[in-house]
Each structure stands twice: as C-alpha cells, then as structure tokens.
C-alpha atoms as a PDB file:
ATOM      1  CA  MET A   1      -8.443 -12.901  48.832  1.00  0.00           C
ATOM      2  CA  VAL A   2      -7.157 -11.250  45.647  1.00  0.00           C
ATOM      3  CA  ALA A   3      -8.115 -12.596  42.245  1.00  0.00           C
ATOM      4  CA  VAL A   4      -5.493 -12.294  39.563  1.00  0.00           C
ATOM      5  CA  ILE A   5      -6.844 -12.120  36.052  1.00  0.00           C
ATOM      6  CA  THR A   6      -4.369 -12.744  33.291  1.00  0.00           C
ATOM      7  CA  LYS A   7      -4.997 -11.808  29.718  1.00  0.00           C
ATOM      8  CA  PRO A   8      -4.472 -14.731  27.339  1.00  0.00           C
ATOM      9  CA  THR A   9      -1.596 -14.373  24.936  1.00  0.00           C
ATOM     10  CA  PHE A  10      -2.518 -13.661  21.317  1.00  0.00           C
ATOM     11  CA  THR A  11      -0.626 -16.270  19.307  1.00  0.00           C
ATOM     12  CA  LEU A  12       0.315 -16.603  15.664  1.00  0.00           C
ATOM     13  CA  ASP A  13      -2.436 -19.209  15.338  1.00  0.00           C
ATOM     14  CA  ASP A  14      -4.912 -16.681  16.760  1.00  0.00           C
ATOM     15  CA  PHE A  15      -3.747 -14.125  14.201  1.00  0.00           C
ATOM     16  CA  LEU A  16      -4.092 -16.597  11.325  1.00  0.00           C
ATOM     17  CA  ALA A  17      -7.559 -17.707  12.462  1.00  0.00           C
ATOM     18  CA  ASN A  18      -8.896 -14.185  13.002  1.00  0.00           C
ATOM     19  CA  PRO A  19      -6.508 -11.521  11.648  1.00  0.00           C
ATOM     20  CA  PRO A  20      -7.225  -8.101  13.159  1.00  0.00           C
ATOM     21  CA  ASN A  21      -7.507  -5.236  10.674  1.00  0.00           C
ATOM     22  CA  HIS A  22      -4.411  -3.089  10.136  1.00  0.00           C
ATOM     23  CA  GLN A  23      -2.207  -5.313  12.307  1.00  0.00           C
ATOM     24  CA  GLU A  24       0.548  -7.873  11.856  1.00  0.00           C
ATOM     25  CA  TRP A  25       1.833 -10.459  14.330  1.00  0.00           C
ATOM     26  CA  ILE A  26       5.524  -9.641  14.747  1.00  0.00           C
ATOM     27  CA  ASN A  27       7.946 -11.142  17.256  1.00  0.00           C
ATOM     28  CA  GLY A  28       5.195 -12.610  19.395  1.00  0.00           C
ATOM     29  CA  LYS A  29       2.839  -9.648  19.562  1.00  0.00           C
ATOM     30  CA  LEU A  30       0.357  -7.657  17.520  1.00  0.00           C
ATOM     31  CA  GLN A  31       1.695  -4.510  15.891  1.00  0.00           C
ATOM     32  CA  GLU A  32      -0.372  -1.935  14.083  1.00  0.00           C
ATOM     33  CA  THR A  33       0.668  -1.286  10.499  1.00  0.00           C
ATOM     34  CA  THR A  34       1.438   2.416  10.307  1.00  0.00           C
ATOM     35  CA  GLY A  35       3.236   4.905   8.131  1.00  0.00           C
ATOM     36  CA  MET A  36       1.058   4.696   5.042  1.00  0.00           C
ATOM     37  CA  THR A  37       1.073   8.006   3.165  1.00  0.00           C
ATOM     38  CA  ILE A  38      -1.000   9.313   0.274  1.00  0.00           C
ATOM     39  CA  ARG A  39       1.890   8.481  -2.091  1.00  0.00           C
ATOM     40  CA  HIS A  40       2.108   4.965  -0.635  1.00  0.00           C
ATOM     41  CA  SER A  41      -1.637   4.473  -1.190  1.00  0.00           C
ATOM     42  CA  GLU A  42      -1.419   5.807  -4.744  1.00  0.00           C
ATOM     43  CA  ILE A  43       1.404   3.423  -5.702  1.00  0.00           C
ATOM     44  CA  GLN A  44      -0.383   0.537  -4.013  1.00  0.00           C
ATOM     45  CA  ALA A  45      -3.526   1.292  -6.039  1.00  0.00           C
ATOM     46  CA  LYS A  46      -1.528   1.564  -9.293  1.00  0.00           C
ATOM     47  CA  LEU A  47       0.020  -1.872  -8.753  1.00  0.00           C
ATOM     48  CA  ILE A  48      -3.308  -3.461  -7.822  1.00  0.00           C
ATOM     49  CA  ILE A  49      -4.942  -2.061 -10.964  1.00  0.00           C
ATOM     50  CA  ALA A  50      -2.004  -2.849 -13.277  1.00  0.00           C
ATOM     51  CA  TRP A  51      -1.553  -6.424 -12.017  1.00  0.00           C
ATOM     52  CA  GLY A  52      -5.330  -6.959 -12.150  1.00  0.00           C
ATOM     53  CA  ILE A  53      -5.630  -5.720 -15.741  1.00  0.00           C
ATOM     54  CA  TYR A  54      -2.676  -7.886 -16.757  1.00  0.00           C
ATOM     55  CA  ILE A  55      -4.227 -10.980 -15.143  1.00  0.00           C
ATOM     56  CA  ASN A  56      -7.362 -10.440 -17.215  1.00  0.00           C
ATOM     57  CA  THR A  57      -5.676  -9.591 -20.526  1.00  0.00           C
ATOM     58  CA  SER A  58      -3.058 -12.361 -20.285  1.00  0.00           C
ATOM     59  CA  GLN A  59      -5.623 -14.903 -19.077  1.00  0.00           C
ATOM     60  CA  GLN A  60      -3.114 -16.241 -16.533  1.00  0.00           C
ATOM     61  CA  GLY A  61      -5.779 -16.366 -13.853  1.00  0.00           C
ATOM     62  CA  GLY A  62      -5.386 -15.732 -10.176  1.00  0.00           C
ATOM     63  CA  LYS A  63      -6.198 -12.599  -8.192  1.00  0.00           C
ATOM     64  CA  VAL A  64      -4.526  -9.525  -6.722  1.00  0.00           C
ATOM     65  CA  TYR A  65      -4.996  -8.616  -3.065  1.00  0.00           C
ATOM     66  CA  SER A  66      -4.017  -5.794  -0.741  1.00  0.00           C
ATOM     67  CA  GLU A  67      -3.110  -6.349   2.903  1.00  0.00           C
ATOM     68  CA  LEU A  68      -3.785 -10.118   2.608  1.00  0.00           C
ATOM     69  CA  PRO A  69      -3.064 -11.831   5.957  1.00  0.00           C
ATOM     70  CA  CYS A  70      -0.445 -14.537   5.495  1.00  0.00           C
ATOM     71  CA  LYS A  71       1.920 -16.690   7.506  1.00  0.00           C
ATOM     72  CA  THR A  72       5.657 -16.558   7.125  1.00  0.00           C
ATOM     73  CA  ILE A  73       8.003 -18.970   8.842  1.00  0.00           C
ATOM     74  CA  LYS A  74       7.788 -16.916  12.037  1.00  0.00           C
ATOM     75  CA  GLN A  75       5.328 -14.026  11.650  1.00  0.00           C
ATOM     76  CA  GLY A  76       1.841 -13.052  10.570  1.00  0.00           C
ATOM     77  CA  ARG A  77       2.168 -10.471   7.808  1.00  0.00           C
ATOM     78  CA  ARG A  78       0.009  -8.328   5.496  1.00  0.00           C
ATOM     79  CA  PRO A  79       1.882  -7.514   2.253  1.00  0.00           C
ATOM     80  CA  ASP A  80       0.870  -4.220   0.640  1.00  0.00           C
ATOM     81  CA  VAL A  81       0.044  -5.941  -2.670  1.00  0.00           C
ATOM     82  CA  CYS A  82       0.213  -9.599  -3.626  1.00  0.00           C
ATOM     83  CA  TYR A  83      -0.789 -11.988  -6.367  1.00  0.00           C
ATOM     84  CA  LEU A  84      -2.226 -15.458  -5.805  1.00  0.00           C
ATOM     85  CA  THR A  85      -2.330 -18.068  -8.549  1.00  0.00           C
ATOM     86  CA  SER A  86      -5.646 -19.649  -9.527  1.00  0.00           C
ATOM     87  CA  GLN A  87      -4.723 -22.747  -7.531  1.00  0.00           C
ATOM     88  CA  LEU A  88      -4.054 -20.751  -4.353  1.00  0.00           C
ATOM     89  CA  VAL A  89      -7.293 -18.803  -4.827  1.00  0.00           C
ATOM     90  CA  LYS A  90      -9.206 -22.068  -5.259  1.00  0.00           C
ATOM     91  CA  SER A  91      -7.581 -23.638  -2.194  1.00  0.00           C
ATOM     92  CA  TYR A  92      -7.776 -20.673   0.204  1.00  0.00           C
ATOM     93  CA  SER A  93     -10.455 -18.228  -0.970  1.00  0.00           C
ATOM     94  CA  ASN A  94     -12.612 -18.960   2.086  1.00  0.00           C
ATOM     95  CA  ALA A  95      -9.752 -19.114   4.601  1.00  0.00           C
ATOM     96  CA  PRO A  96      -9.152 -16.207   7.001  1.00  0.00           C
ATOM     97  CA  SER A  97      -5.470 -16.118   6.027  1.00  0.00           C
ATOM     98  CA  LEU A  98      -2.939 -17.730   3.715  1.00  0.00           C
ATOM     99  CA  PRO A  99      -0.743 -20.382   5.417  1.00  0.00           C
ATOM    100  CA  GLN A 100       2.318 -19.290   3.405  1.00  0.00           C
ATOM    101  CA  SER A 101       3.688 -16.218   1.673  1.00  0.00           C
ATOM    102  CA  PRO A 102       2.063 -15.305  -1.651  1.00  0.00           C
ATOM    103  CA  PRO A 103       4.168 -16.100  -4.739  1.00  0.00           C
ATOM    104  CA  LEU A 104       4.413 -12.421  -5.816  1.00  0.00           C
ATOM    105  CA  ILE A 105       4.526  -9.589  -3.292  1.00  0.00           C
ATOM    106  CA  ALA A 106       5.044  -5.836  -3.450  1.00  0.00           C
ATOM    107  CA  GLU A 107       6.035  -3.988  -0.284  1.00  0.00           C
ATOM    108  CA  ILE A 108       5.928  -0.220  -0.615  1.00  0.00           C
ATOM    109  CA  ALA A 109       8.346   1.576   1.682  1.00  0.00           C
ATOM    110  CA  SER A 110       6.988   4.142   4.091  1.00  0.00           C
ATOM    111  CA  PRO A 111       9.165   7.034   5.235  1.00  0.00           C
ATOM    112  CA  ALA A 112       9.776   5.350   8.618  1.00  0.00           C
ATOM    113  CA  ASP A 113      10.853   1.975   7.142  1.00  0.00           C
ATOM    114  CA  SER A 114      14.535   1.122   7.374  1.00  0.00           C
ATOM    115  CA  ALA A 115      16.291  -0.562   4.461  1.00  0.00           C
ATOM    116  CA  GLU A 116      17.450  -3.350   6.781  1.00  0.00           C
ATOM    117  CA  ASP A 117      13.874  -4.078   7.865  1.00  0.00           C
ATOM    118  CA  LEU A 118      12.563  -4.068   4.282  1.00  0.00           C
ATOM    119  CA  PHE A 119      15.220  -6.484   3.040  1.00  0.00           C
ATOM    120  CA  ALA A 120      14.733  -8.706   6.101  1.00  0.00           C
ATOM    121  CA  LYS A 121      10.995  -8.785   5.378  1.00  0.00           C
ATOM    122  CA  ALA A 122      11.681  -9.712   1.732  1.00  0.00           C
ATOM    123  CA  ASN A 123      13.958 -12.561   2.849  1.00  0.00           C
ATOM    124  CA  GLU A 124      11.304 -13.717   5.315  1.00  0.00           C
ATOM    125  CA  TYR A 125       8.724 -13.845   2.499  1.00  0.00           C
ATOM    126  CA  LEU A 126      11.130 -15.761   0.240  1.00  0.00           C
ATOM    127  CA  ALA A 127      11.865 -18.288   3.004  1.00  0.00           C
ATOM    128  CA  SER A 128       8.104 -18.802   3.364  1.00  0.00           C
ATOM    129  CA  GLY A 129       7.167 -19.646  -0.218  1.00  0.00           C
ATOM    130  CA  SER A 130       7.279 -16.369  -2.115  1.00  0.00           C
ATOM    131  CA  GLU A 131       9.147 -16.491  -5.413  1.00  0.00           C
ATOM    132  CA  GLU A 132       9.444 -12.775  -6.139  1.00  0.00           C
ATOM    133  CA  VAL A 133       9.288  -9.746  -3.841  1.00  0.00           C
ATOM    134  CA  TRP A 134       9.157  -6.189  -5.114  1.00  0.00           C
ATOM    135  CA  LEU A 135      10.487  -3.548  -2.723  1.00  0.00           C
ATOM    136  CA  VAL A 136       9.086  -0.278  -3.997  1.00  0.00           C
ATOM    137  CA  LEU A 137      10.889   2.866  -2.798  1.00  0.00           C
ATOM    138  CA  PRO A 138       8.744   5.933  -3.571  1.00  0.00           C
ATOM    139  CA  GLU A 139      11.188   8.514  -2.196  1.00  0.00           C
ATOM    140  CA  ASN A 140      14.015   7.259  -4.464  1.00  0.00           C
ATOM    141  CA  GLU A 141      11.762   6.074  -7.316  1.00  0.00           C
ATOM    142  CA  LYS A 142      13.390   2.647  -7.391  1.00  0.00           C
ATOM    143  CA  VAL A 143      12.088  -0.906  -7.416  1.00  0.00           C
ATOM    144  CA  PHE A 144      14.137  -3.839  -6.167  1.00  0.00           C
ATOM    145  CA  ILE A 145      12.976  -7.261  -7.307  1.00  0.00           C
ATOM    146  CA  ILE A 146      14.326  -9.825  -4.888  1.00  0.00           C
ATOM    147  CA  MET A 147      14.382 -13.555  -5.583  1.00  0.00           C
ATOM    148  CA  LEU A 148      16.282 -16.385  -3.946  1.00  0.00           C
ATOM    149  CA  ASP A 149      18.931 -16.415  -6.669  1.00  0.00           C
ATOM    150  CA  ARG A 150      19.306 -12.715  -7.501  1.00  0.00           C
ATOM    151  CA  THR A 151      18.252  -9.110  -6.937  1.00  0.00           C
ATOM    152  CA  LEU A 152      17.454  -6.629  -9.691  1.00  0.00           C
ATOM    153  CA  VAL A 153      17.210  -2.842  -9.388  1.00  0.00           C
ATOM    154  CA  PHE A 154      15.069  -0.614 -11.607  1.00  0.00           C
ATOM    155  CA  SER A 155      15.153   3.195 -11.700  1.00  0.00           C
ATOM    156  CA  ASN A 156      14.815   6.284 -13.904  1.00  0.00           C
ATOM    157  CA  ASN A 157      13.250   5.318 -17.248  1.00  0.00           C
ATOM    158  CA  ASP A 158      13.509   1.542 -16.719  1.00  0.00           C
ATOM    159  CA  ILE A 159      10.703  -0.895 -17.408  1.00  0.00           C
ATOM    160  CA  VAL A 160      10.051  -3.109 -14.375  1.00  0.00           C
ATOM    161  CA  THR A 161       9.144  -6.664 -15.411  1.00  0.00           C
ATOM    162  CA  THR A 162       8.073  -9.663 -13.403  1.00  0.00           C
ATOM    163  CA  GLN A 163      10.691 -12.400 -13.322  1.00  0.00           C
ATOM    164  CA  LYS A 164       9.129 -15.646 -12.056  1.00  0.00           C
ATOM    165  CA  VAL A 165       5.454 -15.034 -11.321  1.00  0.00           C
ATOM    166  CA  LEU A 166       2.771 -13.348 -13.440  1.00  0.00           C
ATOM    167  CA  THR A 167       5.208 -13.648 -16.321  1.00  0.00           C
ATOM    168  CA  GLY A 168       5.160 -10.994 -18.996  1.00  0.00           C
ATOM    169  CA  PHE A 169       3.900  -8.161 -16.797  1.00  0.00           C
ATOM    170  CA  SER A 170       5.750  -4.863 -17.103  1.00  0.00           C
ATOM    171  CA  ILE A 171       5.307  -1.276 -15.976  1.00  0.00           C
ATOM    172  CA  SER A 172       7.539   1.726 -16.513  1.00  0.00           C
ATOM    173  CA  ILE A 173       9.099   3.411 -13.512  1.00  0.00           C
ATOM    174  CA  ASN A 174       7.619   6.674 -14.808  1.00  0.00           C
ATOM    175  CA  ASP A 175       4.087   5.234 -14.855  1.00  0.00           C
ATOM    176  CA  LEU A 176       4.488   3.754 -11.387  1.00  0.00           C
ATOM    177  CA  PHE A 177       5.836   6.860  -9.687  1.00  0.00           C
ATOM    178  CA  ASN A 178       4.201   9.710 -11.645  1.00  0.00           C
END
C-alpha cells in the first residue's frame, strides 16, 4: 500500500489571514518579492518619512506603512509604501491584512519590473479601492500618479503633489531622487 500525501493549497484567504514575510499571493500562488535595490530602499524610506511628517504637521491623521499586506480584487499584495486614513487604521489596526487596497500607494520600480506589469498593478489597486497610485521610476527619475480619471507625469525639477488623498502633500523630484 502506498500513501499519497498532498500538500494543501495556500489560498488568498490563507495569505490574508497569515501573510508570509516578503511574499505576495499572485495568480494562485505565493511569490517572493524580489528586486529591491539600495536605491529602491532609499526612495521608499524618503517617502515613508515625508508622508509621515506631513501627516503630523497637517494633522490629517492616519498612518504610513511599508509592505502592508492587502487584498486586491484577485491578489494578495504588499505595496512598497501606503497611507491609511484614520478610519482605516481604527478599523484594521489589529487585522493581519487590509481587505482592500490602501487609498494612497507608492510602488517603486525595480530594475526587473516591466512597465506593463507596473501599470497593471496600479490598475489592480485602483479597481480594489485605491484612489491614487504613485509609480516611482528611479532609473528615469519620474513619478506617474495614476487615478481612475487621469494620469499625471512628473520629472526633472517638478514638484510632485498628491491629488486625492493626503491632500496638500508635495515633494520635489530632486528631493525624492537625490
């Protein structure tokens, strides 16, 4: 007699209940998040600090997170940087993951990321409750702000400003990338 042992499938619900570190649930399976560089980490830290300072000085409330596990309409994701309103923090601060996309997200491109994948991810976030997604491209020193109704591009000496969430925040391209 031969015993066959099958490994249970790790589902999206499993991911949301107990999100493994440094992994996302993509297309039905766990995938390790890779490709982060020193430059990526530096830009991520700058946004976390800048958004956090602005939250405190503007008294808008809410919190900034990195790699926060969240659910999109079909995946389990971990945005590089995101902002949650005070209401979302109050409702989900003790949850293992957020059951929707955060209202403001920044995804920082890694060298291996394709433009198609980044824009698809932004659209996925928008379809899942996000209002504003920043695609930050370190190699080209550009920021795309993508919303349901429009896309804005910032480069060179531009000042990047939030459009719908965390209103009034701004940072210069030079400060973000240098």
